[in-house]
Protein backbone atom coordinates (compact mmCIF):
# COMPACT_ATOMS: atom_id res chain seq x y z
CA MET A 1 0.67 -23.42 -4.62
CA LYS A 2 2.04 -26.94 -4.02
CA LYS A 3 -0.46 -29.46 -3.06
CA THR A 4 1.68 -30.11 0.04
CA MET A 5 1.07 -26.61 1.13
CA ILE A 6 -2.48 -26.74 0.41
CA SER A 7 -2.94 -29.49 2.32
CA LEU A 8 -0.86 -28.11 5.35
CA VAL A 9 -3.17 -24.94 5.41
CA ALA A 10 -6.12 -26.83 5.24
CA ALA A 11 -5.04 -28.75 8.02
CA GLY A 12 -4.32 -25.76 9.89
CA ALA A 13 -7.83 -24.33 9.36
CA LEU A 14 -9.41 -27.44 10.49
CA VAL A 15 -7.54 -26.87 13.63
CA LEU A 16 -8.41 -23.52 14.04
CA SER A 17 -12.29 -24.01 13.45
CA ALA A 18 -12.72 -26.66 16.40
CA ALA A 19 -13.21 -24.76 19.46
CA PRO A 20 -11.98 -27.45 21.63
CA LEU A 21 -8.63 -27.32 20.06
CA GLN A 22 -7.94 -23.85 19.81
CA ALA A 23 -6.60 -23.21 23.25
CA GLY A 24 -4.56 -26.31 23.07
CA ALA A 25 -3.00 -25.36 19.78
CA VAL A 26 -0.87 -22.79 21.45
CA GLY A 27 -0.55 -24.08 24.79
CA ASN A 28 0.19 -27.76 24.54
CA GLY A 29 2.54 -27.74 21.38
CA PRO A 30 3.50 -29.88 19.59
CA ASN A 31 7.04 -29.30 20.58
CA TYR A 32 9.52 -31.09 19.23
CA GLY A 33 10.80 -34.04 21.26
CA GLY A 34 12.62 -36.16 18.76
CA ASN A 35 9.56 -37.97 17.68
CA GLU A 36 7.41 -35.29 15.84
CA THR A 37 7.89 -34.78 12.00
CA ILE A 38 9.96 -31.80 11.13
CA ASN A 39 10.24 -31.77 7.37
CA THR A 40 11.28 -28.84 5.29
CA SER A 41 10.05 -30.42 1.94
CA ILE A 42 6.83 -29.13 2.47
CA LEU A 43 8.07 -25.49 2.46
CA HIS A 44 8.37 -23.53 -0.60
CA THR A 45 11.57 -23.64 -2.01
CA TYR A 46 13.17 -20.40 -3.46
CA SER A 47 12.68 -21.35 -7.00
CA GLU A 48 8.85 -22.27 -6.14
CA LEU A 49 8.28 -18.95 -4.46
CA ALA A 50 9.96 -17.05 -7.55
CA SER A 51 7.77 -18.81 -9.74
CA PHE A 52 4.51 -18.01 -7.69
CA LEU A 53 5.33 -14.58 -7.47
CA GLN A 54 6.07 -14.16 -11.22
CA THR A 55 2.58 -16.22 -11.84
CA GLN A 56 0.76 -13.71 -9.34
CA GLU A 57 2.10 -10.47 -11.20
CA ALA A 58 0.71 -11.78 -14.49
CA LYS A 59 -2.55 -12.41 -12.56
CA GLN A 60 -3.11 -9.44 -10.58
CA LYS A 61 -3.56 -6.06 -12.23
CA ASP A 62 -2.39 -4.08 -8.99
CA MET A 63 0.69 -6.02 -8.38
CA GLU A 64 4.16 -5.37 -9.77
CA LEU A 65 7.24 -7.56 -9.13
CA GLU A 66 10.81 -5.95 -8.63
CA VAL A 67 14.15 -7.55 -8.37
CA ILE A 68 15.69 -5.29 -5.76
CA GLY A 69 19.37 -7.13 -5.86
CA GLN A 70 20.79 -10.80 -5.28
CA SER A 71 22.18 -12.60 -2.71
CA VAL A 72 25.51 -14.13 -1.97
CA LYS A 73 24.93 -17.02 -4.09
CA GLY A 74 23.40 -15.00 -6.94
CA ARG A 75 19.77 -15.30 -6.14
CA ASP A 76 17.33 -12.66 -7.11
CA LEU A 77 15.53 -10.71 -4.16
CA TYR A 78 11.99 -9.88 -4.70
CA LEU A 79 9.76 -7.06 -3.95
CA VAL A 80 6.18 -7.40 -4.27
CA LYS A 81 4.60 -4.07 -4.85
CA TYR A 82 0.78 -2.65 -4.47
CA MET A 83 1.12 1.20 -5.13
CA LYS A 84 -1.92 2.52 -6.53
CA ASN A 85 -1.36 6.25 -5.17
CA PRO A 86 2.08 7.60 -4.10
CA GLU A 87 -0.01 9.94 -1.54
CA ASN A 88 -1.20 6.69 0.35
CA PRO A 89 0.40 5.68 3.38
CA THR A 90 2.73 2.74 2.63
CA ILE A 91 3.60 -0.29 4.84
CA LEU A 92 6.41 -2.85 4.38
CA PHE A 93 6.47 -6.66 5.46
CA LEU A 94 9.55 -8.04 5.59
CA THR A 95 10.13 -11.85 6.07
CA GLN A 96 12.82 -14.32 6.32
CA GLN A 97 15.89 -12.34 7.31
CA HIS A 98 16.65 -15.62 8.82
CA GLY A 99 16.57 -18.34 6.71
CA ASN A 100 15.33 -20.92 9.19
CA GLU A 101 12.02 -18.70 9.96
CA GLN A 102 9.76 -19.54 7.13
CA LEU A 103 6.32 -19.97 8.17
CA THR A 104 6.26 -16.16 7.74
CA THR A 105 7.10 -16.39 4.45
CA GLU A 106 4.32 -19.06 3.73
CA GLY A 107 1.72 -16.65 5.28
CA ALA A 108 2.94 -14.01 3.36
CA ILE A 109 2.46 -16.05 0.16
CA GLU A 110 -1.24 -16.65 1.30
CA PHE A 111 -1.56 -13.10 2.00
CA ILE A 112 -0.85 -11.96 -1.68
CA LYS A 113 -3.03 -14.63 -2.99
CA HIS A 114 -5.75 -13.01 -0.92
CA LEU A 115 -4.83 -9.60 -2.41
CA GLY A 116 -5.77 -10.82 -5.83
CA THR A 117 -9.37 -12.09 -4.77
CA GLY A 118 -12.47 -10.27 -3.68
CA LYS A 119 -11.46 -11.04 -0.09
CA MET A 120 -9.23 -8.14 -0.35
CA LYS A 121 -11.29 -6.11 -2.33
CA GLY A 122 -10.61 -2.43 -2.48
CA VAL A 123 -7.96 -2.68 0.21
CA THR A 124 -5.03 -1.47 -2.01
CA ASP A 125 -6.92 1.68 -3.00
CA ASN A 126 -6.05 3.60 0.07
CA VAL A 127 -2.57 1.92 1.29
CA ASN A 128 0.30 1.03 -0.55
CA ILE A 129 1.88 -2.42 0.31
CA LEU A 130 5.40 -3.42 -0.18
CA ILE A 131 6.45 -7.02 0.79
CA VAL A 132 10.09 -8.54 0.62
CA PRO A 133 9.67 -12.38 1.17
CA MET A 134 12.64 -14.43 1.83
CA LEU A 135 15.39 -11.83 2.11
CA ASN A 136 17.53 -14.58 2.81
CA PRO A 137 17.17 -17.18 0.13
CA ASP A 138 20.67 -18.93 0.57
CA GLY A 139 20.10 -19.73 4.12
CA ALA A 140 16.46 -20.83 3.22
CA MET A 141 18.01 -23.20 0.74
CA GLY A 142 20.72 -24.17 2.72
CA ASP A 143 23.03 -23.27 0.23
CA VAL A 144 25.97 -21.94 2.61
CA ASP A 145 29.57 -22.19 2.88
CA PHE A 146 29.42 -23.83 6.37
CA SER A 147 28.24 -27.21 7.75
CA LEU A 148 24.66 -27.82 8.83
CA ASP A 149 25.10 -31.33 9.71
CA ASP A 150 23.80 -30.78 13.29
CA TYR A 151 20.35 -29.54 11.99
CA VAL A 152 17.22 -31.03 13.20
CA ALA A 153 15.16 -31.23 10.34
CA SER A 154 14.53 -34.03 7.71
CA GLY A 155 13.48 -33.19 3.93
CA ASP A 156 15.30 -31.90 0.80
CA ARG A 157 17.15 -29.31 2.70
CA HIS A 158 18.16 -27.59 5.96
CA LEU A 159 17.11 -24.12 6.48
CA THR A 160 19.75 -21.87 8.63
CA ARG A 161 19.39 -18.62 10.41
CA TYR A 162 22.35 -17.12 8.50
CA ASN A 163 23.34 -16.03 5.24
CA ALA A 164 25.79 -17.92 2.82
CA LEU A 165 28.68 -16.37 4.62
CA GLY A 166 27.67 -17.24 7.99
CA VAL A 167 26.55 -13.57 8.69
CA ASP A 168 23.42 -12.67 10.52
CA LEU A 169 21.24 -10.35 8.41
CA ASN A 170 19.81 -8.48 11.55
CA ARG A 171 23.00 -7.40 12.88
CA ASP A 172 23.98 -5.57 9.56
CA HIS A 173 21.42 -2.36 9.33
CA VAL A 174 24.02 0.18 10.25
CA THR A 175 27.46 -1.06 8.34
CA LYS A 176 25.16 -2.57 5.65
CA ILE A 177 28.00 -5.05 4.33
CA GLN A 178 26.09 -7.92 3.06
CA PRO A 179 24.57 -7.85 -0.30
CA GLU A 180 20.85 -8.63 1.06
CA THR A 181 20.97 -5.83 3.45
CA GLN A 182 22.09 -3.52 0.69
CA ALA A 183 19.58 -4.49 -1.43
CA LEU A 184 16.92 -3.62 1.23
CA HIS A 185 18.36 -0.31 2.02
CA PHE A 186 19.56 0.87 -1.18
CA ASN A 187 16.65 -0.25 -3.21
CA VAL A 188 13.61 -0.35 -0.84
CA MET A 189 14.24 1.84 2.31
CA GLN A 190 15.85 4.82 0.48
CA LYS A 191 13.78 4.44 -2.78
CA TYR A 192 10.24 4.20 -1.45
CA ASP A 193 8.53 6.68 1.06
CA ILE A 194 7.70 3.98 3.85
CA ASP A 195 5.52 4.72 6.74
CA TYR A 196 5.39 1.42 8.53
CA MET A 197 7.23 -1.68 8.81
CA ILE A 198 6.83 -5.02 10.28
CA ASP A 199 9.77 -7.42 10.59
CA LEU A 200 8.59 -10.85 10.73
CA HIS A 201 10.69 -13.46 12.68
CA HIS A 202 10.49 -16.78 14.57
CA GLN A 203 11.67 -17.40 18.09
CA GLY A 204 12.09 -20.48 20.29
CA ALA A 205 9.36 -22.59 20.84
CA ASP A 206 9.27 -22.47 24.83
CA ARG A 207 8.60 -18.81 25.26
CA VAL A 208 6.18 -18.37 28.22
CA ILE A 209 4.31 -15.46 29.93
CA ASN A 210 2.96 -15.30 33.42
CA GLY A 211 5.23 -18.19 34.44
CA ASP A 212 4.17 -21.08 32.43
CA GLU A 213 1.66 -19.94 29.53
CA LEU A 214 3.29 -20.69 26.09
CA VAL A 215 2.84 -17.91 23.59
CA SER A 216 2.27 -18.07 19.82
CA GLY A 217 4.29 -14.89 19.32
CA SER A 218 5.92 -11.77 20.68
CA ILE A 219 5.85 -8.21 19.56
CA LEU A 220 7.77 -5.08 20.30
CA TYR A 221 8.31 -1.55 19.01
CA PRO A 222 11.77 0.33 18.89
CA THR A 223 13.59 0.37 22.03
CA THR A 224 16.57 2.61 20.90
CA PRO A 225 16.70 6.18 22.81
CA ASN A 226 17.30 7.53 19.55
CA VAL A 227 13.76 7.01 17.97
CA ASP A 228 11.50 9.99 17.56
CA PRO A 229 8.58 9.92 19.80
CA GLU A 230 6.04 10.29 16.81
CA VAL A 231 7.82 7.26 15.20
CA LEU A 232 7.41 5.34 18.44
CA GLU A 233 3.91 6.19 19.14
CA GLY A 234 2.94 4.98 15.38
CA SER A 235 4.97 1.81 16.29
CA LYS A 236 3.12 1.28 19.36
CA LYS A 237 -0.13 1.98 17.50
CA LEU A 238 0.86 -0.83 14.87
CA GLY A 239 1.48 -3.31 17.67
CA ALA A 240 -2.02 -2.30 19.03
CA VAL A 241 -3.53 -3.53 15.57
CA VAL A 242 -1.76 -6.56 16.04
CA TYR A 243 -2.55 -7.32 19.34
CA ASP A 244 -6.05 -6.71 18.73
CA ALA A 245 -6.39 -8.88 15.81
CA ILE A 246 -4.58 -11.91 17.14
CA ASN A 247 -4.84 -12.27 21.12
CA PRO A 248 -8.65 -12.25 20.84
CA LYS A 249 -8.29 -15.47 18.69
CA GLY A 250 -8.26 -18.32 21.25
CA TRP A 251 -5.51 -19.69 19.13
CA GLY A 252 -3.40 -16.66 19.59
CA THR A 253 -1.16 -15.57 22.95
CA LEU A 254 0.99 -12.79 22.50
CA GLY A 255 3.86 -11.50 24.87
CA LYS A 256 6.37 -8.80 24.66
CA TYR A 257 9.54 -9.46 23.20
CA PRO A 258 12.43 -8.60 25.85
CA GLY A 259 14.86 -6.74 22.88
CA GLY A 260 17.47 -4.58 23.42
CA SER A 261 18.39 -1.10 21.71
CA ALA A 262 21.06 -1.98 19.35
CA GLU A 263 20.57 -0.39 16.00
CA THR A 264 22.19 -2.80 13.92
CA ILE A 265 18.90 -4.67 14.19
CA SER A 266 16.13 -3.41 11.70
CA ARG A 267 13.51 -2.69 14.24
CA ASN A 268 15.81 -0.08 15.78
CA GLY A 269 17.78 0.97 12.92
CA ILE A 270 15.35 1.43 10.27
CA ALA A 271 13.03 3.65 12.84
CA VAL A 272 16.10 5.96 13.40
CA GLU A 273 17.49 6.05 9.92
CA TYR A 274 14.35 6.50 8.13
CA GLY A 275 11.90 7.76 10.69
CA ILE A 276 9.72 4.69 10.02
CA SER A 277 7.28 3.21 12.63
CA THR A 278 8.33 -0.45 12.89
CA LEU A 279 6.98 -3.69 14.65
CA LEU A 280 8.82 -6.78 15.37
CA PHE A 281 6.69 -9.79 15.67
CA GLU A 282 8.35 -13.09 16.42
CA MET A 283 6.51 -16.14 15.72
CA ARG A 284 6.63 -19.10 17.81
CA GLY A 285 9.07 -21.91 16.81
CA MET A 286 11.48 -22.44 13.85
CA SER A 287 11.43 -24.53 10.67
CA ASP A 288 14.78 -25.96 11.48
CA HIS A 289 17.80 -25.51 13.95
CA ALA A 290 20.84 -27.05 15.63
CA TYR A 291 18.82 -26.73 18.90
CA GLU A 292 16.03 -28.87 19.36
CA ASP A 293 14.27 -26.37 21.83
CA TYR A 294 14.04 -23.90 19.04
CA VAL A 295 12.09 -26.11 16.66
CA LEU A 296 8.39 -26.71 16.88
CA GLY A 297 6.42 -29.89 15.38
CA GLN A 298 4.90 -29.03 12.12
CA LYS A 299 1.16 -29.85 13.36
CA SER A 300 1.59 -26.45 14.84
CA ASN A 301 2.24 -24.67 11.06
CA GLY A 302 -1.25 -24.12 10.37
CA TYR A 303 -2.08 -21.61 13.17
CA LEU A 304 1.42 -20.05 12.83
CA ILE A 305 0.65 -19.38 8.98
CA LYS A 306 -2.94 -18.02 9.96
CA GLN A 307 -1.34 -15.86 12.36
CA THR A 308 0.86 -14.09 9.94
CA ILE A 309 -2.22 -13.74 7.29
CA THR A 310 -4.04 -12.38 10.11
CA THR A 311 -1.30 -9.76 11.05
CA LEU A 312 -0.83 -8.52 7.51
CA GLU A 313 -4.46 -8.21 6.83
CA SER A 314 -5.49 -6.35 10.07
CA THR A 315 -2.65 -3.96 9.67
CA VAL A 316 -3.46 -3.00 5.90
CA LYS A 317 -6.77 -2.56 6.51
CA ALA A 318 -6.43 -0.44 9.69
CA ILE A 319 -4.02 1.72 7.82
CA GLY A 320 -6.22 1.97 4.81
CA ASP A 321 -9.34 2.98 6.72
CA GLY A 322 -7.23 5.16 9.18
CA SER A 323 -8.46 3.34 12.35
CA ILE A 324 -5.02 2.84 13.52
CA ASP A 325 -4.65 6.36 14.36
CA SER A 326 -7.36 5.91 17.18
CA LYS A 327 -5.67 2.83 18.60
CA ASP A 328 -5.26 2.75 22.37
CA THR A 329 -1.40 1.82 23.10
CA SER A 330 -1.74 1.39 26.76
CA PHE A 331 -1.94 -2.16 26.49
CA TRP A 332 1.77 -2.02 26.14
CA ASP A 333 2.10 -1.07 29.75
CA THR A 334 0.38 -4.41 31.08
CA LEU A 335 1.47 -6.97 28.30
CA PRO A 336 3.39 -9.49 30.12
CA GLU A 337 7.26 -9.73 29.04
CA GLN A 338 8.05 -13.17 27.76
CA THR A 339 10.76 -15.56 29.32
CA SER A 340 12.62 -18.22 28.17
CA ARG A 341 14.77 -21.06 29.42
CA GLN A 342 16.97 -20.47 26.32
CA SER A 343 19.18 -17.37 25.42
CA GLU A 344 17.56 -14.97 23.46
CA GLU A 345 19.05 -15.35 20.12
CA ASP A 346 16.06 -14.71 18.01
CA GLU A 347 15.41 -11.16 16.73
């Protein structure tokens, strides 16, 4: 991992370890007000991610790396696999359908490192893990066929929501026109027997519950009426695992995402088409955007990366030991739905 990223995660860990700062980490920002640092050069580039994955495959005996397709601009799209036993339940983690939502990928990178250490010893014996990091590398690298001149961040590149052709990949899960969504569906969803999926995104920095309480993120199960009831229940249990892992931490406050029923969105479409229990997780703030209210000062990066790591680790453990089956989903009935000062563009 880059030295800059190590420093960033270490700084985040220091924030998390100091009790007086925990509550303030979420509630008080830092929002982007024009003065805070927003620098994309501290984030992994596509080539750095590819190199990291190749290095980890060489180090980790349980890890296999597969190229599932190419982006519009010809970048390889990767699938990380830990599959010891095809009879085990399988979970898929998907990051960066939107190129400017990168802290989820940074968290996935740390999670992959943990899977190669004693920290996660034995976890892959009982659960199969699939990870598609950075599904939209062209957007993540700003290598697109439209202008990004009005984007907020400084650094070596801009990051944008859309793929190189200006298409939102998370609106392409029915027609599957874009090469990135084709790679995901044809070479992952249709190839592997997947039981659970968490689709990791970012939302605006100003989302609140209970009137004025800023959230660190929001979650939601499939909300299409066409989802199978058992799939829906599995999705709600997946959400219960994440909620129980994050919300008691002090630095995490979750709300319910006010999502729609369109099956063009992965949370809904994949649940219906493949019978997979899905969960959307929207982390607070984006790495870059044309709207300043959507961008979060990078001093918050540490706890958001930690939130991703905690989400991934808690779910694989719960699926592996079977504790997910007994999770109480009644919290969904009282989980406050977040509101926003901006229009809901996120998912």
